[in-house]
Structure formats: structure tokens, C-alpha cells
Amino acid sequence: MMRVNGRDIATLENADYIIPVGTYPVSVTFSPRFKRMLPLVVQVPGRSGIRIHRGTKPEHSKGCILVSAAKEQELTAKWLALQASNEPIKITIDNEN
């Protein structure tokens, strides 16, 4: 489970790569792997390259946070706008999956 601006968002994560509970900054950058702009979760202890992207099966992820296709599009657009205005973007992970 991920919380953005006080709103819970359903997520899928591979149990072998669960992100520790906490609040983390997010930036939106181009993903060479997915060939599109995607949110990138940063400052996770001992981890890097954690993207928020669409997906339906946790076992298909090697550490990223999976959301629905519509949610990926919504978050990316919203966060790109915030990033352009230099607003900080943060998410809270509470691991209630």
C-alpha cells in the first residue's frame, strides 16, 4: 500500500523486494527500460532504480511498485506538473499488502 497526499493507493510488490516502511521522495524521469517518463522512488536504504509502473503480477517485479495502468498515467502526469513547479513529491509506504 502506498499513501499519496493522505490517500491510499493499492499497489503490488514482490514479497522478496518489499520497500521498508517510510516516506520517500519521488522524481519523474525517463525510464530507458520502459521508454517513457515514470516516477522513480529515491533514498530507499540499500536500493535504487525503484519505479512506479503498471503491472498485474507481483512476481513480474524485481523491486518496483506496481499500480494499474490508469493510476500510473494519473500519478505520472500529476507528479510531472508538481516537479515542473519545483514542488516536492513524497510517498509513504506502509506495506499493508
N, C-alpha and C. Protein backbone atom coordinates (compact mmCIF):
# COMPACT_ATOMS: atom_id res chain seq x y z
N MET A 1 0.86 -1.17 0.00
CA MET A 1 0.00 0.00 0.00
C MET A 1 0.90 1.24 0.00
N MET A 2 0.49 2.21 -0.76
CA MET A 2 1.24 3.45 -0.87
C MET A 2 0.27 4.57 -0.52
N ARG A 3 0.75 5.59 0.15
CA ARG A 3 -0.09 6.73 0.51
C ARG A 3 0.49 7.97 -0.16
N VAL A 4 -0.40 8.69 -0.86
CA VAL A 4 -0.02 9.92 -1.54
C VAL A 4 -1.01 10.99 -1.12
N ASN A 5 -0.50 12.06 -0.53
CA ASN A 5 -1.36 13.16 -0.07
C ASN A 5 -2.52 12.66 0.78
N GLY A 6 -2.24 11.75 1.69
CA GLY A 6 -3.26 11.24 2.59
C GLY A 6 -4.22 10.24 1.98
N ARG A 7 -3.99 9.87 0.73
CA ARG A 7 -4.87 8.93 0.03
C ARG A 7 -4.15 7.61 -0.21
N ASP A 8 -4.78 6.51 0.22
CA ASP A 8 -4.20 5.19 0.00
C ASP A 8 -4.36 4.77 -1.45
N ILE A 9 -3.31 4.17 -1.99
CA ILE A 9 -3.33 3.67 -3.36
C ILE A 9 -2.90 2.20 -3.31
N ALA A 10 -3.73 1.34 -3.88
CA ALA A 10 -3.41 -0.08 -3.92
C ALA A 10 -2.21 -0.32 -4.82
N THR A 11 -1.30 -1.13 -4.33
CA THR A 11 -0.10 -1.45 -5.08
C THR A 11 0.17 -2.95 -5.01
N LEU A 12 1.02 -3.40 -5.88
CA LEU A 12 1.53 -4.76 -5.84
C LEU A 12 3.04 -4.67 -5.76
N GLU A 13 3.62 -5.47 -4.86
CA GLU A 13 5.08 -5.52 -4.75
C GLU A 13 5.50 -6.97 -4.57
N ASN A 14 6.62 -7.31 -5.15
CA ASN A 14 7.18 -8.64 -4.98
C ASN A 14 7.64 -8.78 -3.52
N ALA A 15 7.16 -9.82 -2.84
CA ALA A 15 7.47 -10.02 -1.42
C ALA A 15 8.97 -10.13 -1.15
N ASP A 16 9.74 -10.53 -2.15
CA ASP A 16 11.19 -10.64 -1.98
C ASP A 16 11.91 -9.29 -2.01
N TYR A 17 11.18 -8.24 -2.39
CA TYR A 17 11.80 -6.92 -2.55
C TYR A 17 10.99 -5.81 -1.89
N ILE A 18 10.34 -6.10 -0.79
CA ILE A 18 9.48 -5.12 -0.13
C ILE A 18 10.30 -3.89 0.29
N ILE A 19 9.76 -2.72 0.02
CA ILE A 19 10.39 -1.46 0.40
C ILE A 19 10.09 -1.22 1.88
N PRO A 20 11.10 -0.85 2.66
CA PRO A 20 10.85 -0.60 4.08
C PRO A 20 9.81 0.49 4.30
N VAL A 21 9.03 0.34 5.37
CA VAL A 21 8.06 1.36 5.75
C VAL A 21 8.78 2.69 5.88
N GLY A 22 8.19 3.75 5.34
CA GLY A 22 8.80 5.07 5.44
C GLY A 22 8.23 6.01 4.39
N THR A 23 8.73 7.22 4.43
CA THR A 23 8.34 8.25 3.46
C THR A 23 9.55 8.56 2.59
N TYR A 24 9.33 8.56 1.28
CA TYR A 24 10.42 8.69 0.33
C TYR A 24 10.13 9.75 -0.73
N PRO A 25 11.16 10.48 -1.16
CA PRO A 25 10.99 11.42 -2.27
C PRO A 25 10.79 10.66 -3.58
N VAL A 26 10.10 11.31 -4.50
CA VAL A 26 9.86 10.75 -5.82
C VAL A 26 10.22 11.80 -6.86
N SER A 27 10.86 11.37 -7.93
CA SER A 27 11.08 12.24 -9.08
C SER A 27 10.51 11.51 -10.30
N VAL A 28 10.24 12.25 -11.34
CA VAL A 28 9.74 11.64 -12.57
C VAL A 28 10.83 11.81 -13.62
N THR A 29 11.33 10.68 -14.11
CA THR A 29 12.41 10.70 -15.07
C THR A 29 12.12 9.70 -16.20
N PHE A 30 12.89 9.81 -17.26
CA PHE A 30 12.72 8.88 -18.37
C PHE A 30 13.31 7.54 -17.99
N SER A 31 12.53 6.48 -18.18
CA SER A 31 13.00 5.12 -17.93
C SER A 31 13.48 4.51 -19.23
N PRO A 32 14.78 4.23 -19.35
CA PRO A 32 15.28 3.60 -20.57
C PRO A 32 14.65 2.22 -20.80
N ARG A 33 14.36 1.51 -19.73
CA ARG A 33 13.77 0.17 -19.86
C ARG A 33 12.34 0.24 -20.41
N PHE A 34 11.53 1.16 -19.87
CA PHE A 34 10.13 1.24 -20.27
C PHE A 34 9.87 2.27 -21.37
N LYS A 35 10.89 3.04 -21.71
CA LYS A 35 10.83 4.02 -22.81
C LYS A 35 9.74 5.08 -22.62
N ARG A 36 9.55 5.50 -21.36
CA ARG A 36 8.59 6.57 -21.07
C ARG A 36 8.95 7.19 -19.72
N MET A 37 8.34 8.35 -19.47
CA MET A 37 8.53 9.01 -18.19
C MET A 37 7.79 8.21 -17.11
N LEU A 38 8.48 7.95 -16.00
CA LEU A 38 7.90 7.20 -14.90
C LEU A 38 8.40 7.74 -13.57
N PRO A 39 7.57 7.63 -12.53
CA PRO A 39 8.03 8.01 -11.19
C PRO A 39 9.16 7.09 -10.72
N LEU A 40 10.12 7.69 -10.05
CA LEU A 40 11.28 6.98 -9.50
C LEU A 40 11.35 7.29 -8.01
N VAL A 41 11.28 6.26 -7.18
CA VAL A 41 11.36 6.42 -5.73
C VAL A 41 12.84 6.44 -5.36
N VAL A 42 13.26 7.46 -4.62
CA VAL A 42 14.68 7.61 -4.29
C VAL A 42 14.88 7.59 -2.77
N GLN A 43 16.14 7.46 -2.39
CA GLN A 43 16.58 7.47 -1.00
C GLN A 43 16.02 6.29 -0.19
N VAL A 44 15.79 5.16 -0.86
CA VAL A 44 15.42 3.94 -0.15
C VAL A 44 16.72 3.26 0.26
N PRO A 45 16.91 3.00 1.56
CA PRO A 45 18.18 2.43 2.01
C PRO A 45 18.54 1.13 1.29
N GLY A 46 19.75 1.12 0.72
CA GLY A 46 20.27 -0.08 0.06
C GLY A 46 19.63 -0.41 -1.27
N ARG A 47 18.83 0.50 -1.81
CA ARG A 47 18.12 0.21 -3.06
C ARG A 47 18.23 1.38 -4.02
N SER A 48 18.05 1.10 -5.30
CA SER A 48 17.98 2.14 -6.31
C SER A 48 17.14 1.62 -7.48
N GLY A 49 16.74 2.52 -8.36
CA GLY A 49 16.01 2.12 -9.55
C GLY A 49 14.59 1.66 -9.31
N ILE A 50 13.97 2.10 -8.21
CA ILE A 50 12.60 1.68 -7.90
C ILE A 50 11.63 2.59 -8.64
N ARG A 51 10.95 2.02 -9.61
CA ARG A 51 9.97 2.75 -10.40
C ARG A 51 8.56 2.42 -9.94
N ILE A 52 7.65 3.33 -10.21
CA ILE A 52 6.22 3.07 -10.04
C ILE A 52 5.67 2.92 -11.45
N HIS A 53 5.21 1.72 -11.78
CA HIS A 53 4.71 1.48 -13.13
C HIS A 53 3.59 0.45 -13.13
N ARG A 54 2.91 0.36 -14.26
CA ARG A 54 1.78 -0.56 -14.37
C ARG A 54 2.24 -2.00 -14.33
N GLY A 55 1.37 -2.82 -13.76
CA GLY A 55 1.64 -4.24 -13.69
C GLY A 55 0.51 -4.96 -12.98
N THR A 56 0.42 -6.26 -13.20
CA THR A 56 -0.68 -7.02 -12.61
C THR A 56 -0.23 -8.20 -11.75
N LYS A 57 1.05 -8.55 -11.81
CA LYS A 57 1.54 -9.69 -11.05
C LYS A 57 2.81 -9.32 -10.30
N PRO A 58 2.78 -9.39 -8.96
CA PRO A 58 3.96 -9.01 -8.18
C PRO A 58 5.22 -9.77 -8.57
N GLU A 59 5.06 -11.02 -8.97
CA GLU A 59 6.24 -11.82 -9.32
C GLU A 59 6.93 -11.32 -10.59
N HIS A 60 6.28 -10.43 -11.34
CA HIS A 60 6.90 -9.84 -12.53
C HIS A 60 7.79 -8.64 -12.18
N SER A 61 7.77 -8.25 -10.91
CA SER A 61 8.55 -7.08 -10.48
C SER A 61 9.79 -7.53 -9.72
N LYS A 62 10.88 -6.83 -9.95
CA LYS A 62 12.09 -7.09 -9.18
C LYS A 62 12.39 -5.89 -8.31
N GLY A 63 11.36 -5.42 -7.62
CA GLY A 63 11.56 -4.34 -6.68
C GLY A 63 10.78 -3.08 -6.96
N CYS A 64 10.12 -3.00 -8.09
CA CYS A 64 9.32 -1.82 -8.40
C CYS A 64 7.95 -1.90 -7.73
N ILE A 65 7.24 -0.79 -7.72
CA ILE A 65 5.90 -0.72 -7.18
C ILE A 65 4.94 -0.77 -8.36
N LEU A 66 4.05 -1.75 -8.37
CA LEU A 66 3.12 -1.91 -9.48
C LEU A 66 1.77 -1.31 -9.13
N VAL A 67 1.21 -0.59 -10.10
CA VAL A 67 -0.12 0.01 -9.97
C VAL A 67 -0.89 -0.26 -11.27
N SER A 68 -2.15 0.08 -11.30
CA SER A 68 -2.93 -0.07 -12.54
C SER A 68 -2.40 0.88 -13.60
N ALA A 69 -2.71 0.58 -14.86
CA ALA A 69 -2.27 1.44 -15.97
C ALA A 69 -2.83 2.84 -15.81
N ALA A 70 -4.10 2.94 -15.42
CA ALA A 70 -4.72 4.26 -15.25
C ALA A 70 -4.05 5.03 -14.12
N LYS A 71 -3.72 4.35 -13.03
CA LYS A 71 -3.08 5.01 -11.89
C LYS A 71 -1.67 5.46 -12.26
N GLU A 72 -0.94 4.65 -13.03
CA GLU A 72 0.39 5.05 -13.48
C GLU A 72 0.32 6.35 -14.26
N GLN A 73 -0.61 6.40 -15.19
CA GLN A 73 -0.77 7.58 -16.04
C GLN A 73 -1.16 8.80 -15.20
N GLU A 74 -2.08 8.61 -14.27
CA GLU A 74 -2.54 9.72 -13.41
C GLU A 74 -1.41 10.25 -12.54
N LEU A 75 -0.70 9.35 -11.87
CA LEU A 75 0.39 9.79 -10.98
C LEU A 75 1.51 10.45 -11.76
N THR A 76 1.88 9.87 -12.89
CA THR A 76 2.97 10.45 -13.69
C THR A 76 2.63 11.86 -14.14
N ALA A 77 1.42 12.05 -14.65
CA ALA A 77 1.01 13.39 -15.12
C ALA A 77 0.98 14.39 -13.97
N LYS A 78 0.39 13.98 -12.84
CA LYS A 78 0.29 14.87 -11.68
C LYS A 78 1.68 15.23 -11.16
N TRP A 79 2.55 14.23 -11.05
CA TRP A 79 3.87 14.48 -10.49
C TRP A 79 4.77 15.23 -11.45
N LEU A 80 4.60 15.06 -12.75
CA LEU A 80 5.36 15.87 -13.70
C LEU A 80 5.03 17.35 -13.53
N ALA A 81 3.74 17.65 -13.33
CA ALA A 81 3.31 19.04 -13.13
C ALA A 81 3.91 19.59 -11.84
N LEU A 82 3.87 18.82 -10.77
CA LEU A 82 4.45 19.27 -9.50
C LEU A 82 5.96 19.48 -9.64
N GLN A 83 6.61 18.56 -10.30
CA GLN A 83 8.06 18.65 -10.49
C GLN A 83 8.42 19.91 -11.27
N ALA A 84 7.62 20.23 -12.28
CA ALA A 84 7.86 21.43 -13.09
C ALA A 84 7.75 22.70 -12.26
N SER A 85 6.92 22.66 -11.21
CA SER A 85 6.77 23.83 -10.35
C SER A 85 7.66 23.75 -9.10
N ASN A 86 8.60 22.80 -9.13
CA ASN A 86 9.55 22.60 -8.03
C ASN A 86 8.90 22.21 -6.71
N GLU A 87 7.71 21.63 -6.77
CA GLU A 87 7.05 21.13 -5.57
C GLU A 87 7.67 19.78 -5.20
N PRO A 88 7.95 19.56 -3.91
CA PRO A 88 8.47 18.24 -3.52
C PRO A 88 7.38 17.17 -3.64
N ILE A 89 7.79 15.99 -4.05
CA ILE A 89 6.86 14.87 -4.19
C ILE A 89 7.35 13.76 -3.26
N LYS A 90 6.45 13.27 -2.41
CA LYS A 90 6.82 12.20 -1.48
C LYS A 90 5.70 11.18 -1.42
N ILE A 91 6.09 9.93 -1.18
CA ILE A 91 5.12 8.88 -0.95
C ILE A 91 5.44 8.22 0.39
N THR A 92 4.43 7.62 0.97
CA THR A 92 4.62 6.86 2.20
C THR A 92 4.29 5.41 1.90
N ILE A 93 5.19 4.53 2.28
CA ILE A 93 4.99 3.09 2.12
C ILE A 93 4.62 2.53 3.49
N ASP A 94 3.51 1.79 3.56
CA ASP A 94 3.15 1.21 4.85
C ASP A 94 3.03 -0.30 4.81
N ASN A 95 3.23 -0.92 3.65
CA ASN A 95 3.31 -2.37 3.50
C ASN A 95 2.13 -3.14 4.06
N GLU A 96 0.93 -2.68 3.80
CA GLU A 96 -0.25 -3.42 4.22
C GLU A 96 -0.71 -4.39 3.14
N ASN A 97 0.11 -4.62 2.12
CA ASN A 97 -0.29 -5.52 1.01
C ASN A 97 -0.51 -6.91 1.53
